[in-house]
């Protein structure tokens, strides 16, 4: 009797671990790029934030506005990624109906636990990308904008 992971992965365990690390690295690079774009966008909107602050918005309200925008963008991107995963899984099943490289490919589906982990990773990555944009709010000088 062999453990389930060994029976399921077999000889490809090392390749799957390398692939997992590559996916994590791509996610890290994508988060860094997104944070950079969000920071550039926020610095371009300094005048808007200064006007909002002069009209009475406190720092918490401005941060809530930025986080809500970034959260919406992140969740939209996460939903697009999940939809792409579902679509590609169906395409893979249609491409290999009888000679599948993965045993019992027709029974493969996206695990709800994996989906929950994906949603939580999207939330965490989105909030981490929002931190640099929110950190720049404290440096808004209303007299120089």
N, C-alpha and C. Protein backbone atom coordinates (compact mmCIF):
# COMPACT_ATOMS: atom_id res chain seq x y z
N UNK A 1 0.85 -1.17 0.00
CA UNK A 1 0.00 0.00 0.00
C UNK A 1 0.89 1.24 0.00
N UNK A 2 0.65 2.13 -0.99
CA UNK A 2 1.45 3.35 -1.11
C UNK A 2 0.63 4.55 -0.66
N UNK A 3 1.32 5.59 -0.18
CA UNK A 3 0.59 6.82 0.19
C UNK A 3 -0.10 7.42 -1.03
N UNK A 4 -1.19 8.15 -0.77
CA UNK A 4 -1.99 8.71 -1.85
C UNK A 4 -1.18 9.66 -2.72
N UNK A 5 -0.37 10.53 -2.08
CA UNK A 5 0.38 11.50 -2.87
C UNK A 5 1.37 10.81 -3.79
N UNK A 6 2.00 9.75 -3.30
CA UNK A 6 2.95 9.02 -4.14
C UNK A 6 2.22 8.30 -5.27
N UNK A 7 1.06 7.76 -4.97
CA UNK A 7 0.28 7.05 -5.98
C UNK A 7 -0.23 8.04 -7.03
N UNK A 8 -0.64 9.23 -6.62
CA UNK A 8 -1.20 10.20 -7.55
C UNK A 8 -0.12 10.87 -8.38
N UNK A 9 0.98 11.28 -7.76
CA UNK A 9 2.02 12.01 -8.49
C UNK A 9 3.03 11.08 -9.15
N UNK A 10 3.34 9.99 -8.50
CA UNK A 10 4.26 9.02 -9.10
C UNK A 10 5.64 9.61 -9.34
N UNK A 11 6.11 9.44 -10.57
CA UNK A 11 7.45 9.88 -10.95
C UNK A 11 7.54 11.40 -11.12
N UNK A 12 6.42 12.06 -11.23
CA UNK A 12 6.44 13.48 -11.56
C UNK A 12 6.39 14.39 -10.33
N UNK A 13 6.64 13.87 -9.15
CA UNK A 13 6.56 14.67 -7.93
C UNK A 13 7.55 15.83 -7.96
N UNK A 14 8.77 15.58 -8.37
CA UNK A 14 9.79 16.63 -8.39
C UNK A 14 9.42 17.71 -9.42
N UNK A 15 8.96 17.29 -10.58
CA UNK A 15 8.55 18.26 -11.61
C UNK A 15 7.38 19.10 -11.12
N UNK A 16 6.45 18.48 -10.41
CA UNK A 16 5.31 19.23 -9.88
C UNK A 16 5.75 20.24 -8.82
N UNK A 17 6.72 19.89 -8.00
CA UNK A 17 7.23 20.83 -6.99
C UNK A 17 7.93 22.01 -7.66
N UNK A 18 8.69 21.74 -8.71
CA UNK A 18 9.35 22.82 -9.45
C UNK A 18 8.30 23.72 -10.10
N UNK A 19 7.26 23.10 -10.67
CA UNK A 19 6.18 23.88 -11.27
C UNK A 19 5.48 24.73 -10.21
N UNK A 20 5.24 24.19 -9.03
CA UNK A 20 4.60 24.92 -7.94
C UNK A 20 5.45 26.13 -7.54
N UNK A 21 6.77 25.94 -7.44
CA UNK A 21 7.67 27.05 -7.11
C UNK A 21 7.66 28.11 -8.22
N UNK A 22 7.61 27.67 -9.47
CA UNK A 22 7.56 28.61 -10.59
C UNK A 22 6.27 29.42 -10.56
N UNK A 23 5.17 28.78 -10.24
CA UNK A 23 3.89 29.48 -10.15
C UNK A 23 3.95 30.51 -9.02
N UNK A 24 4.52 30.14 -7.89
CA UNK A 24 4.67 31.09 -6.79
C UNK A 24 5.54 32.28 -7.15
N UNK A 25 6.61 32.02 -7.90
CA UNK A 25 7.49 33.10 -8.33
C UNK A 25 6.78 34.03 -9.31
N UNK A 26 6.01 33.46 -10.23
CA UNK A 26 5.24 34.29 -11.16
C UNK A 26 4.21 35.13 -10.41
N UNK A 27 3.57 34.54 -9.39
CA UNK A 27 2.62 35.30 -8.57
C UNK A 27 3.33 36.45 -7.86
N UNK A 28 4.51 36.20 -7.34
CA UNK A 28 5.27 37.25 -6.65
C UNK A 28 5.64 38.37 -7.61
N UNK A 29 6.07 38.03 -8.82
CA UNK A 29 6.43 39.03 -9.82
C UNK A 29 5.18 39.82 -10.23
N UNK A 30 4.06 39.13 -10.41
CA UNK A 30 2.82 39.82 -10.79
C UNK A 30 2.37 40.77 -9.68
N UNK A 31 2.51 40.35 -8.43
CA UNK A 31 2.15 41.23 -7.31
C UNK A 31 3.05 42.45 -7.26
N UNK A 32 4.34 42.27 -7.51
CA UNK A 32 5.26 43.40 -7.51
C UNK A 32 4.92 44.37 -8.64
N UNK A 33 4.60 43.84 -9.82
CA UNK A 33 4.21 44.70 -10.94
C UNK A 33 2.91 45.43 -10.65
N UNK A 34 1.94 44.72 -10.08
CA UNK A 34 0.66 45.36 -9.76
C UNK A 34 0.85 46.45 -8.70
N UNK A 35 1.67 46.17 -7.70
CA UNK A 35 1.93 47.19 -6.66
C UNK A 35 2.60 48.41 -7.27
N UNK A 36 3.51 48.18 -8.21
CA UNK A 36 4.18 49.30 -8.87
C UNK A 36 3.19 50.13 -9.68
N UNK A 37 2.30 49.47 -10.43
CA UNK A 37 1.30 50.19 -11.21
C UNK A 37 0.32 50.94 -10.31
N UNK A 38 -0.08 50.32 -9.22
CA UNK A 38 -1.01 50.97 -8.29
C UNK A 38 -0.35 52.18 -7.63
N UNK A 39 0.91 52.04 -7.28
CA UNK A 39 1.64 53.15 -6.66
C UNK A 39 1.81 54.30 -7.65
N UNK A 40 2.09 53.98 -8.90
CA UNK A 40 2.23 55.03 -9.92
C UNK A 40 0.89 55.72 -10.14
N UNK A 41 -0.18 54.96 -10.16
CA UNK A 41 -1.51 55.54 -10.34
C UNK A 41 -1.88 56.43 -9.15
N UNK A 42 -1.56 55.96 -7.95
CA UNK A 42 -1.88 56.74 -6.75
C UNK A 42 -1.06 58.02 -6.70
N UNK A 43 0.19 57.97 -7.12
CA UNK A 43 0.99 59.19 -7.10
C UNK A 43 0.51 60.17 -8.16
N UNK A 44 -0.06 59.66 -9.24
CA UNK A 44 -0.65 60.55 -10.23
C UNK A 44 -1.96 61.17 -9.78
N UNK A 45 -2.57 60.60 -8.77
CA UNK A 45 -3.84 61.10 -8.26
C UNK A 45 -3.67 61.91 -6.97
N UNK A 46 -2.47 62.38 -6.72
CA UNK A 46 -2.21 63.15 -5.50
C UNK A 46 -3.09 64.40 -5.43
N UNK A 47 -3.31 65.03 -6.57
CA UNK A 47 -4.15 66.23 -6.58
C UNK A 47 -5.58 65.88 -6.15
N UNK A 48 -6.11 64.78 -6.67
CA UNK A 48 -7.46 64.35 -6.29
C UNK A 48 -7.55 64.09 -4.79
N UNK A 49 -6.53 63.40 -4.24
CA UNK A 49 -6.55 63.10 -2.81
C UNK A 49 -6.40 64.37 -1.98
N UNK A 50 -5.62 65.32 -2.48
CA UNK A 50 -5.48 66.58 -1.76
C UNK A 50 -6.79 67.35 -1.74
N UNK A 51 -7.50 67.33 -2.87
CA UNK A 51 -8.81 68.02 -2.91
C UNK A 51 -9.80 67.33 -1.97
N UNK A 52 -9.80 66.01 -1.99
CA UNK A 52 -10.70 65.27 -1.08
C UNK A 52 -10.36 65.58 0.38
N UNK A 53 -9.06 65.64 0.68
CA UNK A 53 -8.65 65.94 2.06
C UNK A 53 -9.03 67.37 2.44
N UNK A 54 -8.90 68.30 1.50
CA UNK A 54 -9.26 69.69 1.82
C UNK A 54 -10.77 69.85 1.99
N UNK A 55 -11.55 68.96 1.38
CA UNK A 55 -13.00 69.02 1.54
C UNK A 55 -13.47 68.30 2.80
N UNK A 56 -12.55 67.69 3.53
CA UNK A 56 -12.92 67.12 4.81
C UNK A 56 -12.73 65.61 4.94
N UNK A 57 -12.27 64.95 3.91
CA UNK A 57 -12.05 63.51 4.02
C UNK A 57 -10.80 63.26 4.85
N UNK A 58 -10.92 62.39 5.84
CA UNK A 58 -9.74 62.06 6.64
C UNK A 58 -8.96 60.93 5.96
N UNK A 59 -7.84 60.61 6.56
CA UNK A 59 -6.94 59.63 5.96
C UNK A 59 -7.60 58.24 5.86
N UNK A 60 -8.40 57.87 6.84
CA UNK A 60 -9.08 56.57 6.84
C UNK A 60 -10.04 56.46 5.65
N UNK A 61 -10.78 57.53 5.38
CA UNK A 61 -11.70 57.52 4.25
C UNK A 61 -10.96 57.40 2.93
N UNK A 62 -9.85 58.09 2.81
CA UNK A 62 -9.05 57.99 1.58
C UNK A 62 -8.48 56.59 1.42
N UNK A 63 -8.00 56.02 2.53
CA UNK A 63 -7.47 54.66 2.47
C UNK A 63 -8.56 53.66 2.11
N UNK A 64 -9.73 53.84 2.67
CA UNK A 64 -10.85 52.95 2.36
C UNK A 64 -11.21 53.03 0.88
N UNK A 65 -11.14 54.24 0.31
CA UNK A 65 -11.42 54.42 -1.11
C UNK A 65 -10.39 53.68 -1.97
N UNK A 66 -9.13 53.82 -1.63
CA UNK A 66 -8.06 53.15 -2.39
C UNK A 66 -8.18 51.64 -2.26
N UNK A 67 -8.38 51.15 -1.05
CA UNK A 67 -8.47 49.70 -0.83
C UNK A 67 -9.68 49.12 -1.57
N UNK A 68 -10.80 49.85 -1.57
CA UNK A 68 -11.99 49.36 -2.28
C UNK A 68 -11.73 49.27 -3.78
N UNK A 69 -11.07 50.26 -4.35
CA UNK A 69 -10.73 50.21 -5.78
C UNK A 69 -9.81 49.04 -6.09
N UNK A 70 -8.78 48.89 -5.29
CA UNK A 70 -7.80 47.84 -5.54
C UNK A 70 -8.42 46.46 -5.30
N UNK A 71 -9.26 46.35 -4.30
CA UNK A 71 -9.94 45.09 -4.02
C UNK A 71 -10.86 44.70 -5.17
N UNK A 72 -11.56 45.67 -5.73
CA UNK A 72 -12.42 45.39 -6.89
C UNK A 72 -11.59 44.89 -8.07
N UNK A 73 -10.48 45.57 -8.35
CA UNK A 73 -9.62 45.14 -9.46
C UNK A 73 -9.02 43.76 -9.21
N UNK A 74 -8.59 43.51 -7.98
CA UNK A 74 -8.00 42.22 -7.65
C UNK A 74 -9.00 41.08 -7.73
N UNK A 75 -10.20 41.32 -7.24
CA UNK A 75 -11.22 40.26 -7.30
C UNK A 75 -11.66 40.01 -8.74
N UNK A 76 -11.71 41.06 -9.56
CA UNK A 76 -12.05 40.87 -10.98
C UNK A 76 -10.96 40.05 -11.67
N UNK A 77 -9.71 40.33 -11.36
CA UNK A 77 -8.63 39.55 -11.94
C UNK A 77 -8.64 38.11 -11.44
N UNK A 78 -8.94 37.92 -10.15
CA UNK A 78 -9.04 36.57 -9.60
C UNK A 78 -10.18 35.78 -10.22
N UNK A 79 -11.32 36.44 -10.43
CA UNK A 79 -12.46 35.77 -11.08
C UNK A 79 -12.13 35.40 -12.51
N UNK A 80 -11.41 36.28 -13.20
CA UNK A 80 -10.99 35.96 -14.57
C UNK A 80 -10.03 34.76 -14.57
N UNK A 81 -9.14 34.70 -13.59
CA UNK A 81 -8.22 33.57 -13.51
C UNK A 81 -8.93 32.26 -13.22
N UNK A 82 -9.92 32.28 -12.34
CA UNK A 82 -10.68 31.07 -12.03
C UNK A 82 -11.50 30.64 -13.23
N UNK A 83 -12.11 31.60 -13.93
CA UNK A 83 -12.87 31.26 -15.14
C UNK A 83 -11.95 30.67 -16.20
N UNK A 84 -10.75 31.20 -16.32
CA UNK A 84 -9.77 30.66 -17.26
C UNK A 84 -9.37 29.24 -16.87
N UNK A 85 -9.21 28.99 -15.59
CA UNK A 85 -8.86 27.64 -15.13
C UNK A 85 -9.98 26.65 -15.45
N UNK A 86 -11.23 27.04 -15.21
CA UNK A 86 -12.35 26.16 -15.55
C UNK A 86 -12.40 25.89 -17.04
N UNK A 87 -12.23 26.94 -17.84
CA UNK A 87 -12.27 26.78 -19.29
C UNK A 87 -11.14 25.92 -19.81
N UNK A 88 -9.93 26.13 -19.30
CA UNK A 88 -8.80 25.33 -19.75
C UNK A 88 -8.92 23.88 -19.31
N UNK A 89 -9.51 23.64 -18.16
CA UNK A 89 -9.72 22.26 -17.72
C UNK A 89 -10.70 21.55 -18.64
N UNK A 90 -11.77 22.22 -19.03
CA UNK A 90 -12.71 21.61 -19.98
C UNK A 90 -12.07 21.39 -21.33
N UNK A 91 -11.24 22.34 -21.76
CA UNK A 91 -10.53 22.18 -23.04
C UNK A 91 -9.58 20.99 -22.99
N UNK A 92 -8.91 20.81 -21.88
CA UNK A 92 -7.99 19.68 -21.72
C UNK A 92 -8.74 18.36 -21.79
N UNK A 93 -9.90 18.30 -21.19
CA UNK A 93 -10.70 17.07 -21.23
C UNK A 93 -11.17 16.79 -22.66
N UNK A 94 -11.54 17.85 -23.39
CA UNK A 94 -11.99 17.66 -24.77
C UNK A 94 -10.84 17.29 -25.71
N UNK A 95 -9.64 17.79 -25.41
CA UNK A 95 -8.49 17.50 -26.28
C UNK A 95 -8.03 16.05 -26.15
N UNK A 96 -8.13 15.48 -24.96
CA UNK A 96 -7.68 14.12 -24.70
C UNK A 96 -8.83 13.27 -24.18
N UNK A 97 -9.83 12.96 -25.00
CA UNK A 97 -10.97 12.22 -24.46
C UNK A 97 -10.67 10.78 -24.08
N UNK A 98 -9.87 10.08 -24.88
CA UNK A 98 -9.66 8.66 -24.60
C UNK A 98 -8.22 8.33 -24.25
N UNK A 99 -7.27 9.09 -24.70
CA UNK A 99 -5.86 8.79 -24.39
C UNK A 99 -5.26 9.90 -23.52
N UNK A 100 -5.85 10.10 -22.41
CA UNK A 100 -5.45 11.18 -21.51
C UNK A 100 -4.08 10.91 -20.89
N UNK A 101 -3.23 11.94 -20.82
CA UNK A 101 -1.94 11.77 -20.14
C UNK A 101 -2.12 11.65 -18.62
N UNK A 102 -3.24 12.13 -18.12
CA UNK A 102 -3.54 12.03 -16.69
C UNK A 102 -4.60 10.95 -16.54
N UNK A 103 -4.37 9.96 -15.69
CA UNK A 103 -5.40 8.93 -15.51
C UNK A 103 -6.70 9.54 -15.00
N UNK A 104 -7.80 9.07 -15.56
CA UNK A 104 -9.14 9.49 -15.17
C UNK A 104 -9.32 11.01 -15.28
N UNK A 105 -8.87 11.57 -16.41
CA UNK A 105 -8.94 13.01 -16.62
C UNK A 105 -10.37 13.50 -16.64
N UNK A 106 -11.29 12.68 -17.08
CA UNK A 106 -12.68 13.11 -17.15
C UNK A 106 -13.29 13.34 -15.77
N UNK A 107 -12.67 12.79 -14.72
CA UNK A 107 -13.17 12.99 -13.36
C UNK A 107 -12.43 14.10 -12.62
N UNK A 108 -11.48 14.76 -13.28
CA UNK A 108 -10.72 15.83 -12.66
C UNK A 108 -11.57 17.09 -12.63
N UNK A 109 -11.60 17.76 -11.49
CA UNK A 109 -12.31 19.03 -11.36
C UNK A 109 -11.52 19.93 -10.41
N UNK A 110 -11.96 21.15 -10.31
CA UNK A 110 -11.29 22.08 -9.41
C UNK A 110 -11.85 21.88 -8.01
N UNK A 111 -10.98 21.60 -7.10
CA UNK A 111 -11.32 21.31 -5.71
C UNK A 111 -11.84 22.58 -5.02
N UNK A 112 -12.93 22.50 -4.28
CA UNK A 112 -13.42 23.69 -3.57
C UNK A 112 -12.41 24.24 -2.56
N UNK A 113 -11.62 23.37 -1.95
CA UNK A 113 -10.58 23.85 -1.03
C UNK A 113 -9.52 24.64 -1.79
N UNK A 114 -9.14 24.14 -2.97
CA UNK A 114 -8.17 24.87 -3.78
C UNK A 114 -8.74 26.21 -4.24
N UNK A 115 -10.02 26.23 -4.53
CA UNK A 115 -10.69 27.47 -4.91
C UNK A 115 -10.70 28.46 -3.74
N UNK A 116 -10.94 27.96 -2.53
CA UNK A 116 -10.91 28.82 -1.35
C UNK A 116 -9.51 29.37 -1.10
N UNK A 117 -8.50 28.53 -1.29
CA UNK A 117 -7.11 28.99 -1.13
C UNK A 117 -6.80 30.05 -2.18
N UNK A 118 -7.28 29.85 -3.40
CA UNK A 118 -7.05 30.83 -4.47
C UNK A 118 -7.70 32.17 -4.13
N UNK A 119 -8.92 32.14 -3.65
CA UNK A 119 -9.61 33.38 -3.29
C UNK A 119 -8.87 34.08 -2.14
N UNK A 120 -8.43 33.31 -1.16
CA UNK A 120 -7.71 33.93 -0.04
C UNK A 120 -6.36 34.49 -0.50
N UNK A 121 -5.67 33.80 -1.41
CA UNK A 121 -4.42 34.34 -1.94
C UNK A 121 -4.65 35.61 -2.74
N UNK A 122 -5.74 35.66 -3.49
CA UNK A 122 -6.07 36.88 -4.23
C UNK A 122 -6.33 38.03 -3.25
N UNK A 123 -7.07 37.76 -2.19
CA UNK A 123 -7.34 38.80 -1.19
C UNK A 123 -6.05 39.29 -0.53
N UNK A 124 -5.20 38.35 -0.14
CA UNK A 124 -3.94 38.72 0.52
C UNK A 124 -3.04 39.51 -0.42
N UNK A 125 -2.91 39.02 -1.67
CA UNK A 125 -2.05 39.71 -2.64
C UNK A 125 -2.60 41.10 -2.95
N UNK A 126 -3.92 41.22 -3.03
CA UNK A 126 -4.52 42.51 -3.31
C UNK A 126 -4.28 43.49 -2.17
N UNK A 127 -4.46 43.02 -0.96
CA UNK A 127 -4.24 43.91 0.19
C UNK A 127 -2.76 44.27 0.33
N UNK A 128 -1.87 43.35 0.00
CA UNK A 128 -0.44 43.67 0.04
C UNK A 128 -0.08 44.71 -1.02
N UNK A 129 -0.77 44.66 -2.16
CA UNK A 129 -0.52 45.66 -3.19
C UNK A 129 -1.09 47.02 -2.81
N UNK A 130 -2.08 47.05 -1.92
CA UNK A 130 -2.69 48.31 -1.51
C UNK A 130 -1.86 49.05 -0.47
N UNK A 131 -1.00 48.34 0.23
CA UNK A 131 -0.22 48.96 1.31
C UNK A 131 0.65 50.12 0.82
N UNK A 132 1.44 49.95 -0.27
CA UNK A 132 2.26 51.10 -0.70
C UNK A 132 1.44 52.31 -1.12
N UNK A 133 0.29 52.08 -1.75
CA UNK A 133 -0.54 53.21 -2.17
C UNK A 133 -1.11 53.94 -0.96
N UNK A 134 -1.50 53.20 0.07
CA UNK A 134 -2.04 53.83 1.27
C UNK A 134 -0.95 54.51 2.09
N UNK A 135 0.26 54.02 2.00
CA UNK A 135 1.35 54.62 2.77
C UNK A 135 1.70 56.01 2.25
N UNK A 136 1.47 56.24 0.97
CA UNK A 136 1.78 57.55 0.39
C UNK A 136 0.76 58.62 0.73
N UNK A 137 -0.36 58.25 1.32
CA UNK A 137 -1.39 59.24 1.63
C UNK A 137 -0.97 60.20 2.73
N UNK A 138 -0.15 59.73 3.65
CA UNK A 138 0.26 60.58 4.76
C UNK A 138 1.19 61.70 4.34
N UNK A 139 1.75 61.59 3.15
CA UNK A 139 2.70 62.59 2.69
C UNK A 139 2.07 63.63 1.77
N UNK A 140 0.75 63.63 1.68
CA UNK A 140 0.07 64.60 0.82
C UNK A 140 0.10 65.97 1.47
N UNK A 141 0.75 66.90 0.82
CA UNK A 141 0.82 68.27 1.32
C UNK A 141 -0.18 69.11 0.53
N UNK A 142 -1.17 69.62 1.22
CA UNK A 142 -2.25 70.34 0.55
C UNK A 142 -1.80 71.66 -0.05
N UNK A 143 -0.72 72.22 0.40
CA UNK A 143 -0.29 73.52 -0.10
C UNK A 143 0.55 73.42 -1.37
N UNK A 144 1.10 72.25 -1.66
CA UNK A 144 2.00 72.12 -2.81
C UNK A 144 1.38 71.38 -3.99
N UNK A 145 0.12 71.03 -3.90
CA UNK A 145 -0.50 70.26 -4.98
C UNK A 145 -1.20 71.17 -5.95
